[in-house]
Amino acid sequence: MAKRSKSEITRARILDAAHDVFLEKGYHRTKVVDIIERTGCGHGTFYDYFKSKDDVLLAILEDFVRELVRLGESSRVLMQRIAFDDYDAIRILLRGINEVFDRHGDLNNVYIEAALENPLFGEIYSNFHRVFSGILEDKIREMQEAGKCEGMNARVASQILVTLVGFTSYSRQNGFIEGSADEVSENLGLLVFRALNY
């Protein structure tokens, strides 16, 4: 493993400090000066690496964003291939979503707060929502052609389902829903599967 440069170490220290400050204060109340004080660096050093608190939050969320993009790509392939009665595929997809949110769940509240307050993060959130609801909308239309999902508006139903899945992950992490990730995925999967195959 290559030794990290002083610059990489400094950047990592700023990111670690910012991560902790965002968790403690949330998006709105976090200021650049809080991150600088926690890092123990000067203002100039911070601005050598990041332009703003939004810039540092984007860097912290980089892995989360990358995983969601990959999940969207694999979900599209999976949804195109699965049969209407393939419950296992739906369960696998939901488990994958839960695993991504579990890995990055500590910042989920910060991300949602940022999405509500800042158009930059709002657009990132909206893009993911559009990708996943678009995938589901295509599947629901396909199912309607086969005589299922009667009376559903495919676009509205897909948007509701994506919101339901996201809010379920958020609620489980925050203790509003009891049960392990597997139990929640199993039950949510059954609800979605039965609704779509009615």
N, C-alpha and C. Protein backbone atom coordinates (compact mmCIF):
# COMPACT_ATOMS: atom_id res chain seq x y z
N MET A 1 0.84 -1.19 0.00
CA MET A 1 0.00 0.00 0.00
C MET A 1 0.88 1.25 0.00
N ALA A 2 0.59 2.18 -0.90
CA ALA A 2 1.39 3.39 -1.02
C ALA A 2 1.16 4.31 0.16
N LYS A 3 2.23 4.97 0.57
CA LYS A 3 2.13 5.92 1.67
C LYS A 3 1.39 7.16 1.21
N ARG A 4 0.49 7.65 2.06
CA ARG A 4 -0.28 8.84 1.69
C ARG A 4 0.56 10.10 1.83
N SER A 5 0.34 11.03 0.94
CA SER A 5 1.07 12.30 0.99
C SER A 5 0.49 13.17 2.10
N LYS A 6 1.24 14.20 2.46
CA LYS A 6 0.77 15.15 3.48
C LYS A 6 -0.54 15.80 3.05
N SER A 7 -0.64 16.09 1.75
CA SER A 7 -1.85 16.70 1.20
C SER A 7 -3.06 15.76 1.35
N GLU A 8 -2.87 14.48 1.06
CA GLU A 8 -3.97 13.50 1.21
C GLU A 8 -4.38 13.35 2.66
N ILE A 9 -3.41 13.38 3.56
CA ILE A 9 -3.70 13.26 4.99
C ILE A 9 -4.49 14.48 5.47
N THR A 10 -4.08 15.67 5.04
CA THR A 10 -4.79 16.90 5.43
C THR A 10 -6.23 16.88 4.91
N ARG A 11 -6.40 16.50 3.65
CA ARG A 11 -7.75 16.44 3.08
C ARG A 11 -8.61 15.45 3.85
N ALA A 12 -8.05 14.29 4.18
CA ALA A 12 -8.79 13.27 4.93
C ALA A 12 -9.16 13.79 6.32
N ARG A 13 -8.28 14.54 6.96
CA ARG A 13 -8.58 15.11 8.28
C ARG A 13 -9.75 16.09 8.19
N ILE A 14 -9.76 16.91 7.15
CA ILE A 14 -10.86 17.86 6.97
C ILE A 14 -12.17 17.10 6.74
N LEU A 15 -12.12 16.07 5.90
CA LEU A 15 -13.33 15.27 5.63
C LEU A 15 -13.84 14.59 6.90
N ASP A 16 -12.95 14.02 7.68
CA ASP A 16 -13.35 13.35 8.93
C ASP A 16 -13.98 14.35 9.90
N ALA A 17 -13.35 15.50 10.04
CA ALA A 17 -13.88 16.53 10.94
C ALA A 17 -15.24 17.02 10.44
N ALA A 18 -15.37 17.26 9.14
CA ALA A 18 -16.63 17.73 8.57
C ALA A 18 -17.73 16.69 8.77
N HIS A 19 -17.38 15.42 8.57
CA HIS A 19 -18.34 14.32 8.78
C HIS A 19 -18.92 14.40 10.19
N ASP A 20 -18.05 14.55 11.19
CA ASP A 20 -18.49 14.60 12.59
C ASP A 20 -19.34 15.84 12.87
N VAL A 21 -18.93 16.98 12.31
CA VAL A 21 -19.68 18.22 12.54
C VAL A 21 -21.07 18.13 11.90
N PHE A 22 -21.13 17.62 10.66
CA PHE A 22 -22.44 17.47 10.00
C PHE A 22 -23.35 16.55 10.81
N LEU A 23 -22.80 15.47 11.36
CA LEU A 23 -23.62 14.55 12.16
C LEU A 23 -24.14 15.24 13.42
N GLU A 24 -23.30 16.03 14.06
CA GLU A 24 -23.69 16.70 15.31
C GLU A 24 -24.66 17.85 15.09
N LYS A 25 -24.41 18.65 14.06
CA LYS A 25 -25.17 19.89 13.88
C LYS A 25 -26.21 19.84 12.77
N GLY A 26 -26.09 18.86 11.88
CA GLY A 26 -26.97 18.83 10.72
C GLY A 26 -26.44 19.74 9.63
N TYR A 27 -27.11 19.71 8.50
CA TYR A 27 -26.64 20.50 7.35
C TYR A 27 -26.78 22.00 7.60
N HIS A 28 -27.95 22.44 8.01
CA HIS A 28 -28.24 23.87 8.13
C HIS A 28 -27.32 24.57 9.13
N ARG A 29 -27.13 23.95 10.29
CA ARG A 29 -26.38 24.61 11.36
C ARG A 29 -24.86 24.48 11.22
N THR A 30 -24.40 23.63 10.33
CA THR A 30 -22.95 23.48 10.13
C THR A 30 -22.41 24.68 9.35
N LYS A 31 -21.35 25.25 9.87
CA LYS A 31 -20.66 26.36 9.20
C LYS A 31 -19.22 25.93 8.90
N VAL A 32 -18.61 26.56 7.92
CA VAL A 32 -17.22 26.25 7.57
C VAL A 32 -16.32 26.43 8.78
N VAL A 33 -16.56 27.47 9.57
CA VAL A 33 -15.72 27.73 10.73
C VAL A 33 -15.78 26.57 11.74
N ASP A 34 -16.92 25.89 11.84
CA ASP A 34 -17.04 24.72 12.73
C ASP A 34 -16.12 23.60 12.26
N ILE A 35 -16.08 23.40 10.95
CA ILE A 35 -15.23 22.34 10.37
C ILE A 35 -13.76 22.69 10.58
N ILE A 36 -13.42 23.96 10.36
CA ILE A 36 -12.04 24.41 10.53
C ILE A 36 -11.59 24.23 11.98
N GLU A 37 -12.45 24.63 12.93
CA GLU A 37 -12.11 24.49 14.35
C GLU A 37 -11.94 23.02 14.72
N ARG A 38 -12.82 22.16 14.21
CA ARG A 38 -12.73 20.73 14.54
C ARG A 38 -11.47 20.11 13.93
N THR A 39 -11.10 20.57 12.73
CA THR A 39 -9.91 20.04 12.07
C THR A 39 -8.64 20.54 12.74
N GLY A 40 -8.69 21.79 13.22
CA GLY A 40 -7.49 22.39 13.81
C GLY A 40 -6.57 22.96 12.75
N CYS A 41 -7.14 23.30 11.60
CA CYS A 41 -6.34 23.89 10.52
C CYS A 41 -6.72 25.35 10.35
N GLY A 42 -6.01 26.05 9.50
CA GLY A 42 -6.33 27.44 9.23
C GLY A 42 -7.38 27.55 8.13
N HIS A 43 -7.95 28.75 8.02
CA HIS A 43 -8.93 29.00 6.96
C HIS A 43 -8.34 28.73 5.58
N GLY A 44 -7.10 29.21 5.38
CA GLY A 44 -6.45 29.03 4.09
C GLY A 44 -6.29 27.57 3.73
N THR A 45 -5.96 26.75 4.73
CA THR A 45 -5.79 25.32 4.48
C THR A 45 -7.11 24.70 4.04
N PHE A 46 -8.20 25.04 4.74
CA PHE A 46 -9.51 24.52 4.34
C PHE A 46 -9.80 24.87 2.89
N TYR A 47 -9.63 26.16 2.56
CA TYR A 47 -9.99 26.62 1.22
C TYR A 47 -9.01 26.17 0.14
N ASP A 48 -7.86 25.64 0.55
CA ASP A 48 -6.97 24.99 -0.43
C ASP A 48 -7.60 23.71 -0.96
N TYR A 49 -8.48 23.11 -0.17
CA TYR A 49 -9.06 21.81 -0.52
C TYR A 49 -10.54 21.89 -0.92
N PHE A 50 -11.28 22.79 -0.29
CA PHE A 50 -12.73 22.87 -0.52
C PHE A 50 -13.17 24.32 -0.65
N LYS A 51 -14.19 24.54 -1.49
CA LYS A 51 -14.69 25.89 -1.71
C LYS A 51 -15.72 26.32 -0.66
N SER A 52 -16.43 25.34 -0.08
CA SER A 52 -17.56 25.66 0.80
C SER A 52 -17.95 24.42 1.60
N LYS A 53 -18.92 24.57 2.47
CA LYS A 53 -19.41 23.39 3.20
C LYS A 53 -20.12 22.44 2.24
N ASP A 54 -20.74 22.98 1.19
CA ASP A 54 -21.39 22.12 0.20
C ASP A 54 -20.36 21.27 -0.54
N ASP A 55 -19.24 21.87 -0.86
CA ASP A 55 -18.17 21.17 -1.55
C ASP A 55 -17.64 20.01 -0.70
N VAL A 56 -17.46 20.25 0.59
CA VAL A 56 -16.95 19.19 1.47
C VAL A 56 -18.02 18.12 1.68
N LEU A 57 -19.29 18.51 1.75
CA LEU A 57 -20.35 17.51 1.90
C LEU A 57 -20.46 16.64 0.65
N LEU A 58 -20.30 17.24 -0.52
CA LEU A 58 -20.30 16.45 -1.76
C LEU A 58 -19.18 15.41 -1.74
N ALA A 59 -18.02 15.81 -1.24
CA ALA A 59 -16.89 14.87 -1.16
C ALA A 59 -17.19 13.74 -0.17
N ILE A 60 -17.84 14.07 0.94
CA ILE A 60 -18.19 13.05 1.94
C ILE A 60 -19.21 12.07 1.35
N LEU A 61 -20.15 12.59 0.57
CA LEU A 61 -21.22 11.76 0.00
C LEU A 61 -20.82 11.06 -1.30
N GLU A 62 -19.59 11.27 -1.74
CA GLU A 62 -19.17 10.75 -3.05
C GLU A 62 -19.39 9.25 -3.20
N ASP A 63 -18.99 8.46 -2.18
CA ASP A 63 -19.16 7.00 -2.26
C ASP A 63 -20.64 6.63 -2.28
N PHE A 64 -21.43 7.31 -1.46
CA PHE A 64 -22.87 7.08 -1.39
C PHE A 64 -23.51 7.33 -2.75
N VAL A 65 -23.17 8.46 -3.36
CA VAL A 65 -23.71 8.83 -4.67
C VAL A 65 -23.29 7.80 -5.72
N ARG A 66 -22.02 7.41 -5.69
CA ARG A 66 -21.52 6.42 -6.65
C ARG A 66 -22.26 5.10 -6.52
N GLU A 67 -22.49 4.66 -5.28
CA GLU A 67 -23.20 3.40 -5.06
C GLU A 67 -24.64 3.47 -5.54
N LEU A 68 -25.29 4.61 -5.33
CA LEU A 68 -26.67 4.77 -5.80
C LEU A 68 -26.75 4.75 -7.32
N VAL A 69 -25.77 5.35 -7.98
CA VAL A 69 -25.73 5.31 -9.45
C VAL A 69 -25.58 3.87 -9.92
N ARG A 70 -24.64 3.15 -9.31
CA ARG A 70 -24.43 1.74 -9.69
C ARG A 70 -25.68 0.91 -9.43
N LEU A 71 -26.33 1.18 -8.29
CA LEU A 71 -27.54 0.46 -7.95
C LEU A 71 -28.64 0.74 -8.97
N GLY A 72 -28.74 1.98 -9.42
CA GLY A 72 -29.73 2.32 -10.44
C GLY A 72 -29.48 1.56 -11.73
N GLU A 73 -28.21 1.47 -12.14
CA GLU A 73 -27.86 0.75 -13.37
C GLU A 73 -28.19 -0.74 -13.25
N SER A 74 -27.80 -1.34 -12.13
CA SER A 74 -28.07 -2.78 -11.97
C SER A 74 -29.56 -3.04 -11.79
N SER A 75 -30.28 -2.10 -11.17
CA SER A 75 -31.72 -2.26 -10.99
C SER A 75 -32.45 -2.27 -12.33
N ARG A 76 -32.01 -1.40 -13.24
CA ARG A 76 -32.64 -1.36 -14.56
C ARG A 76 -32.48 -2.70 -15.27
N VAL A 77 -31.27 -3.26 -15.23
CA VAL A 77 -31.01 -4.56 -15.86
C VAL A 77 -31.86 -5.64 -15.20
N LEU A 78 -31.88 -5.64 -13.86
CA LEU A 78 -32.63 -6.65 -13.12
C LEU A 78 -34.12 -6.57 -13.43
N MET A 79 -34.67 -5.35 -13.43
CA MET A 79 -36.11 -5.19 -13.66
C MET A 79 -36.50 -5.57 -15.09
N GLN A 80 -35.60 -5.40 -16.03
CA GLN A 80 -35.90 -5.79 -17.42
C GLN A 80 -35.95 -7.30 -17.55
N ARG A 81 -35.17 -7.99 -16.73
CA ARG A 81 -35.05 -9.45 -16.87
C ARG A 81 -36.06 -10.23 -16.04
N ILE A 82 -36.55 -9.64 -14.94
CA ILE A 82 -37.36 -10.46 -14.04
C ILE A 82 -38.77 -10.66 -14.58
N ALA A 83 -39.31 -11.79 -14.22
CA ALA A 83 -40.71 -12.09 -14.54
C ALA A 83 -41.59 -11.42 -13.50
N PHE A 84 -42.87 -11.27 -13.82
CA PHE A 84 -43.79 -10.62 -12.90
C PHE A 84 -43.92 -11.38 -11.58
N ASP A 85 -43.74 -12.68 -11.64
CA ASP A 85 -43.95 -13.47 -10.42
C ASP A 85 -42.63 -13.83 -9.73
N ASP A 86 -41.55 -13.09 -10.03
CA ASP A 86 -40.24 -13.38 -9.46
C ASP A 86 -40.04 -12.57 -8.18
N TYR A 87 -40.57 -13.08 -7.09
CA TYR A 87 -40.47 -12.38 -5.82
C TYR A 87 -39.01 -12.27 -5.36
N ASP A 88 -38.22 -13.31 -5.60
CA ASP A 88 -36.82 -13.30 -5.15
C ASP A 88 -36.05 -12.11 -5.73
N ALA A 89 -36.31 -11.78 -6.99
CA ALA A 89 -35.62 -10.65 -7.62
C ALA A 89 -35.99 -9.34 -6.92
N ILE A 90 -37.26 -9.17 -6.58
CA ILE A 90 -37.69 -7.96 -5.87
C ILE A 90 -37.02 -7.88 -4.50
N ARG A 91 -36.96 -9.02 -3.82
CA ARG A 91 -36.32 -9.06 -2.49
C ARG A 91 -34.83 -8.71 -2.58
N ILE A 92 -34.15 -9.23 -3.60
CA ILE A 92 -32.72 -8.95 -3.81
C ILE A 92 -32.52 -7.45 -4.06
N LEU A 93 -33.38 -6.87 -4.87
CA LEU A 93 -33.28 -5.44 -5.17
C LEU A 93 -33.47 -4.61 -3.90
N LEU A 94 -34.49 -4.92 -3.11
CA LEU A 94 -34.75 -4.17 -1.89
C LEU A 94 -33.62 -4.35 -0.88
N ARG A 95 -33.07 -5.55 -0.80
CA ARG A 95 -31.94 -5.79 0.12
C ARG A 95 -30.74 -4.94 -0.31
N GLY A 96 -30.51 -4.85 -1.62
CA GLY A 96 -29.41 -4.03 -2.13
C GLY A 96 -29.57 -2.57 -1.75
N ILE A 97 -30.79 -2.06 -1.87
CA ILE A 97 -31.07 -0.67 -1.49
C ILE A 97 -30.83 -0.48 0.00
N ASN A 98 -31.33 -1.40 0.83
CA ASN A 98 -31.11 -1.30 2.27
C ASN A 98 -29.64 -1.33 2.63
N GLU A 99 -28.86 -2.17 1.95
CA GLU A 99 -27.44 -2.27 2.25
C GLU A 99 -26.70 -0.98 1.94
N VAL A 100 -27.06 -0.33 0.83
CA VAL A 100 -26.44 0.95 0.50
C VAL A 100 -26.76 1.97 1.58
N PHE A 101 -28.03 2.05 1.98
CA PHE A 101 -28.40 3.02 3.00
C PHE A 101 -27.81 2.68 4.36
N ASP A 102 -27.61 1.40 4.64
CA ASP A 102 -26.97 1.02 5.90
C ASP A 102 -25.51 1.46 5.94
N ARG A 103 -24.82 1.31 4.82
CA ARG A 103 -23.40 1.70 4.78
C ARG A 103 -23.24 3.21 4.95
N HIS A 104 -24.20 3.97 4.49
CA HIS A 104 -24.08 5.43 4.51
C HIS A 104 -25.18 6.08 5.35
N GLY A 105 -25.84 5.28 6.16
CA GLY A 105 -27.02 5.74 6.89
C GLY A 105 -26.77 6.83 7.89
N ASP A 106 -25.53 6.91 8.42
CA ASP A 106 -25.28 7.94 9.43
C ASP A 106 -25.48 9.34 8.86
N LEU A 107 -25.28 9.50 7.56
CA LEU A 107 -25.43 10.82 6.94
C LEU A 107 -26.76 10.99 6.21
N ASN A 108 -27.64 10.02 6.32
CA ASN A 108 -28.91 10.09 5.59
C ASN A 108 -29.71 11.34 5.99
N ASN A 109 -29.77 11.63 7.28
CA ASN A 109 -30.52 12.81 7.74
C ASN A 109 -29.90 14.09 7.19
N VAL A 110 -28.57 14.15 7.18
CA VAL A 110 -27.87 15.33 6.67
C VAL A 110 -28.17 15.50 5.18
N TYR A 111 -28.13 14.39 4.46
CA TYR A 111 -28.37 14.41 3.01
C TYR A 111 -29.80 14.89 2.71
N ILE A 112 -30.77 14.38 3.45
CA ILE A 112 -32.16 14.79 3.23
C ILE A 112 -32.35 16.26 3.57
N GLU A 113 -31.76 16.71 4.68
CA GLU A 113 -31.85 18.12 5.06
C GLU A 113 -31.22 19.00 3.98
N ALA A 114 -30.05 18.58 3.47
CA ALA A 114 -29.39 19.34 2.41
C ALA A 114 -30.24 19.37 1.14
N ALA A 115 -30.89 18.25 0.82
CA ALA A 115 -31.73 18.18 -0.38
C ALA A 115 -32.93 19.12 -0.27
N LEU A 116 -33.44 19.30 0.93
CA LEU A 116 -34.59 20.19 1.14
C LEU A 116 -34.20 21.66 1.11
N GLU A 117 -32.96 21.97 1.49
CA GLU A 117 -32.53 23.36 1.60
C GLU A 117 -31.73 23.88 0.42
N ASN A 118 -31.03 22.99 -0.26
CA ASN A 118 -30.07 23.42 -1.27
C ASN A 118 -30.40 22.80 -2.62
N PRO A 119 -30.61 23.62 -3.65
CA PRO A 119 -30.97 23.07 -4.97
C PRO A 119 -29.95 22.07 -5.52
N LEU A 120 -28.68 22.25 -5.19
CA LEU A 120 -27.65 21.32 -5.66
C LEU A 120 -27.93 19.90 -5.16
N PHE A 121 -28.15 19.75 -3.87
CA PHE A 121 -28.43 18.44 -3.30
C PHE A 121 -29.85 17.98 -3.64
N GLY A 122 -30.75 18.95 -3.78
CA GLY A 122 -32.12 18.62 -4.20
C GLY A 122 -32.13 17.97 -5.57
N GLU A 123 -31.27 18.48 -6.46
CA GLU A 123 -31.19 17.92 -7.82
C GLU A 123 -30.60 16.51 -7.80
N ILE A 124 -29.59 16.30 -6.96
CA ILE A 124 -29.01 14.95 -6.83
C ILE A 124 -30.09 13.98 -6.35
N TYR A 125 -30.84 14.39 -5.33
CA TYR A 125 -31.92 13.56 -4.79
C TYR A 125 -32.97 13.29 -5.87
N SER A 126 -33.36 14.35 -6.58
CA SER A 126 -34.39 14.21 -7.62
C SER A 126 -33.94 13.29 -8.74
N ASN A 127 -32.66 13.37 -9.11
CA ASN A 127 -32.13 12.51 -10.16
C ASN A 127 -32.27 11.04 -9.79
N PHE A 128 -31.90 10.69 -8.55
CA PHE A 128 -32.02 9.30 -8.12
C PHE A 128 -33.48 8.87 -8.10
N HIS A 129 -34.33 9.75 -7.62
CA HIS A 129 -35.76 9.43 -7.56
C HIS A 129 -36.30 9.18 -8.96
N ARG A 130 -35.91 10.05 -9.92
CA ARG A 130 -36.36 9.89 -11.30
C ARG A 130 -35.86 8.59 -11.92
N VAL A 131 -34.59 8.25 -11.65
CA VAL A 131 -34.03 7.01 -12.21
C VAL A 131 -34.81 5.80 -11.71
N PHE A 132 -34.96 5.70 -10.39
CA PHE A 132 -35.62 4.51 -9.83
C PHE A 132 -37.11 4.48 -10.16
N SER A 133 -37.77 5.63 -10.13
CA SER A 133 -39.21 5.60 -10.47
C SER A 133 -39.40 5.32 -11.96
N GLY A 134 -38.46 5.77 -12.81
CA GLY A 134 -38.54 5.46 -14.23
C GLY A 134 -38.41 3.98 -14.50
N ILE A 135 -37.50 3.33 -13.77
CA ILE A 135 -37.32 1.88 -13.90
C ILE A 135 -38.61 1.16 -13.52
N LEU A 136 -39.20 1.55 -12.39
CA LEU A 136 -40.44 0.92 -11.94
C LEU A 136 -41.61 1.25 -12.87
N GLU A 137 -41.64 2.46 -13.37
CA GLU A 137 -42.74 2.85 -14.27
C GLU A 137 -42.74 1.96 -15.51
N ASP A 138 -41.55 1.73 -16.07
CA ASP A 138 -41.46 0.85 -17.25
C ASP A 138 -41.98 -0.55 -16.92
N LYS A 139 -41.62 -1.04 -15.72
CA LYS A 139 -42.05 -2.39 -15.34
C LYS A 139 -43.56 -2.44 -15.13
N ILE A 140 -44.11 -1.42 -14.50
CA ILE A 140 -45.56 -1.40 -14.27
C ILE A 140 -46.31 -1.35 -15.60
N ARG A 141 -45.83 -0.56 -16.56
CA ARG A 141 -46.47 -0.49 -17.89
C ARG A 141 -46.42 -1.87 -18.57
N GLU A 142 -45.29 -2.53 -18.44
CA GLU A 142 -45.14 -3.87 -19.01
C GLU A 142 -46.14 -4.83 -18.35
N MET A 143 -46.29 -4.70 -17.04
CA MET A 143 -47.24 -5.55 -16.33
C MET A 143 -48.67 -5.24 -16.74
N GLN A 144 -48.96 -3.96 -16.98
CA GLN A 144 -50.31 -3.58 -17.40
C GLN A 144 -50.65 -4.19 -18.76
N GLU A 145 -49.66 -4.27 -19.62
CA GLU A 145 -49.88 -4.89 -20.92
C GLU A 145 -50.21 -6.38 -20.77
N ALA A 146 -49.77 -6.97 -19.65
CA ALA A 146 -50.04 -8.38 -19.39
C ALA A 146 -51.29 -8.56 -18.51
N GLY A 147 -52.04 -7.45 -18.29
CA GLY A 147 -53.29 -7.55 -17.55
C GLY A 147 -53.16 -7.39 -16.04
N LYS A 148 -52.01 -6.96 -15.55
CA LYS A 148 -51.84 -6.73 -14.10
C LYS A 148 -51.83 -5.23 -13.83
N CYS A 149 -51.80 -4.87 -12.55
CA CYS A 149 -51.74 -3.46 -12.12
C CYS A 149 -52.87 -2.63 -12.71
N GLU A 150 -54.03 -3.21 -12.82
CA GLU A 150 -55.17 -2.51 -13.42
C GLU A 150 -55.55 -1.29 -12.59
N GLY A 151 -55.88 -0.22 -13.29
CA GLY A 151 -56.34 1.01 -12.64
C GLY A 151 -55.23 1.87 -12.08
N MET A 152 -53.97 1.42 -12.17
CA MET A 152 -52.85 2.20 -11.65
C MET A 152 -52.38 3.21 -12.67
N ASN A 153 -52.02 4.38 -12.20
CA ASN A 153 -51.28 5.34 -13.00
C ASN A 153 -49.81 4.94 -12.81
N ALA A 154 -49.17 4.41 -13.86
CA ALA A 154 -47.82 3.84 -13.73
C ALA A 154 -46.82 4.85 -13.18
N ARG A 155 -46.93 6.09 -13.62
CA ARG A 155 -45.97 7.11 -13.15
C ARG A 155 -46.17 7.41 -11.67
N VAL A 156 -47.40 7.66 -11.28
CA VAL A 156 -47.68 7.98 -9.87
C VAL A 156 -47.35 6.80 -8.96
N ALA A 157 -47.76 5.60 -9.37
CA ALA A 157 -47.51 4.41 -8.57
C ALA A 157 -46.01 4.17 -8.38
N SER A 158 -45.23 4.37 -9.44
CA SER A 158 -43.78 4.16 -9.35
C SER A 158 -43.13 5.19 -8.42
N GLN A 159 -43.61 6.43 -8.48
CA GLN A 159 -43.06 7.46 -7.60
C GLN A 159 -43.40 7.16 -6.14
N ILE A 160 -44.61 6.68 -5.89
CA ILE A 160 -45.00 6.31 -4.53
C ILE A 160 -44.13 5.16 -4.03
N LEU A 161 -43.90 4.17 -4.88
CA LEU A 161 -43.10 3.01 -4.47
C LEU A 161 -41.67 3.40 -4.13
N VAL A 162 -41.06 4.25 -4.94
CA VAL A 162 -39.69 4.68 -4.67
C VAL A 162 -39.63 5.46 -3.35
N THR A 163 -40.59 6.34 -3.14
CA THR A 163 -40.64 7.10 -1.88
C THR A 163 -40.84 6.16 -0.70
N LEU A 164 -41.71 5.17 -0.86
CA LEU A 164 -41.96 4.19 0.18
C LEU A 164 -40.69 3.42 0.55
N VAL A 165 -39.95 2.97 -0.47
CA VAL A 165 -38.71 2.22 -0.22
C VAL A 165 -37.69 3.09 0.50
N GLY A 166 -37.49 4.32 0.02
CA GLY A 166 -36.53 5.23 0.65
C GLY A 166 -36.90 5.58 2.07
N PHE A 167 -38.17 5.90 2.28
CA PHE A 167 -38.60 6.29 3.63
C PHE A 167 -38.59 5.09 4.57
N THR A 168 -38.81 3.90 4.05
CA THR A 168 -38.74 2.70 4.88
C THR A 168 -37.32 2.48 5.38
N SER A 169 -36.32 2.64 4.49
CA SER A 169 -34.92 2.51 4.90
C SER A 169 -34.57 3.54 5.96
N TYR A 170 -34.97 4.77 5.71
CA TYR A 170 -34.73 5.86 6.67
C TYR A 170 -35.38 5.56 8.01
N SER A 171 -36.62 5.11 7.98
CA SER A 171 -37.37 4.84 9.22
C SER A 171 -36.77 3.69 10.01
N ARG A 172 -36.30 2.65 9.31
CA ARG A 172 -35.67 1.53 10.03
C ARG A 172 -34.39 1.98 10.71
N GLN A 173 -33.59 2.78 10.03
CA GLN A 173 -32.34 3.26 10.61
C GLN A 173 -32.57 4.12 11.84
N ASN A 174 -33.68 4.85 11.85
CA ASN A 174 -33.96 5.76 12.95
C ASN A 174 -34.86 5.15 14.02
N GLY A 175 -35.12 3.84 13.92
CA GLY A 175 -35.85 3.15 14.96
C GLY A 175 -37.35 3.27 14.89
N PHE A 176 -37.89 3.85 13.81
CA PHE A 176 -39.34 3.97 13.68
C PHE A 176 -39.97 2.64 13.26
N ILE A 177 -39.18 1.80 12.61
CA ILE A 177 -39.63 0.47 12.20
C ILE A 177 -38.74 -0.55 12.87
N GLU A 178 -39.34 -1.49 13.56
CA GLU A 178 -38.58 -2.53 14.23
C GLU A 178 -38.22 -3.63 13.24
N GLY A 179 -37.16 -4.35 13.55
CA GLY A 179 -36.77 -5.47 12.71
C GLY A 179 -35.43 -5.26 12.04
N SER A 180 -34.81 -6.36 11.68
CA SER A 180 -33.52 -6.31 10.99
C SER A 180 -33.72 -5.85 9.55
N ALA A 181 -32.61 -5.56 8.89
CA ALA A 181 -32.66 -5.17 7.48
C ALA A 181 -33.31 -6.27 6.65
N ASP A 182 -32.99 -7.53 6.97
CA ASP A 182 -33.58 -8.65 6.22
C ASP A 182 -35.09 -8.74 6.43
N GLU A 183 -35.53 -8.57 7.68
CA GLU A 183 -36.97 -8.64 7.97
C GLU A 183 -37.73 -7.52 7.26
N VAL A 184 -37.15 -6.32 7.30
CA VAL A 184 -37.81 -5.18 6.67
C VAL A 184 -37.86 -5.38 5.15
N SER A 185 -36.74 -5.84 4.56
CA SER A 185 -36.71 -6.09 3.11
C SER A 185 -37.74 -7.15 2.73
N GLU A 186 -37.82 -8.19 3.55
CA GLU A 186 -38.75 -9.29 3.27
C GLU A 186 -40.20 -8.80 3.28
N ASN A 187 -40.56 -8.06 4.31
CA ASN A 187 -41.94 -7.59 4.44
C ASN A 187 -42.29 -6.52 3.40
N LEU A 188 -41.36 -5.60 3.16
CA LEU A 188 -41.61 -4.59 2.14
C LEU A 188 -41.70 -5.24 0.77
N GLY A 189 -40.84 -6.22 0.53
CA GLY A 189 -40.87 -6.94 -0.75
C GLY A 189 -42.20 -7.62 -0.98
N LEU A 190 -42.73 -8.26 0.06
CA LEU A 190 -44.03 -8.94 -0.07
C LEU A 190 -45.15 -7.94 -0.34
N LEU A 191 -45.10 -6.79 0.36
CA LEU A 191 -46.13 -5.76 0.13
C LEU A 191 -46.10 -5.26 -1.31
N VAL A 192 -44.89 -4.94 -1.80
CA VAL A 192 -44.75 -4.43 -3.17
C VAL A 192 -45.15 -5.50 -4.18
N PHE A 193 -44.65 -6.70 -3.99
CA PHE A 193 -44.91 -7.81 -4.90
C PHE A 193 -46.41 -8.11 -5.01
N ARG A 194 -47.06 -8.17 -3.87
CA ARG A 194 -48.50 -8.49 -3.88
C ARG A 194 -49.32 -7.34 -4.48
N ALA A 195 -48.89 -6.11 -4.20
CA ALA A 195 -49.61 -4.97 -4.79
C ALA A 195 -49.48 -4.96 -6.30
N LEU A 196 -48.29 -5.26 -6.81
CA LEU A 196 -48.07 -5.20 -8.24
C LEU A 196 -48.68 -6.40 -8.97
N ASN A 197 -48.84 -7.47 -8.27
CA ASN A 197 -49.39 -8.67 -8.91
C ASN A 197 -50.88 -8.87 -8.64
N TYR A 198 -51.52 -7.86 -8.07
CA TYR A 198 -52.95 -7.96 -7.77
C TYR A 198 -53.74 -7.93 -9.06
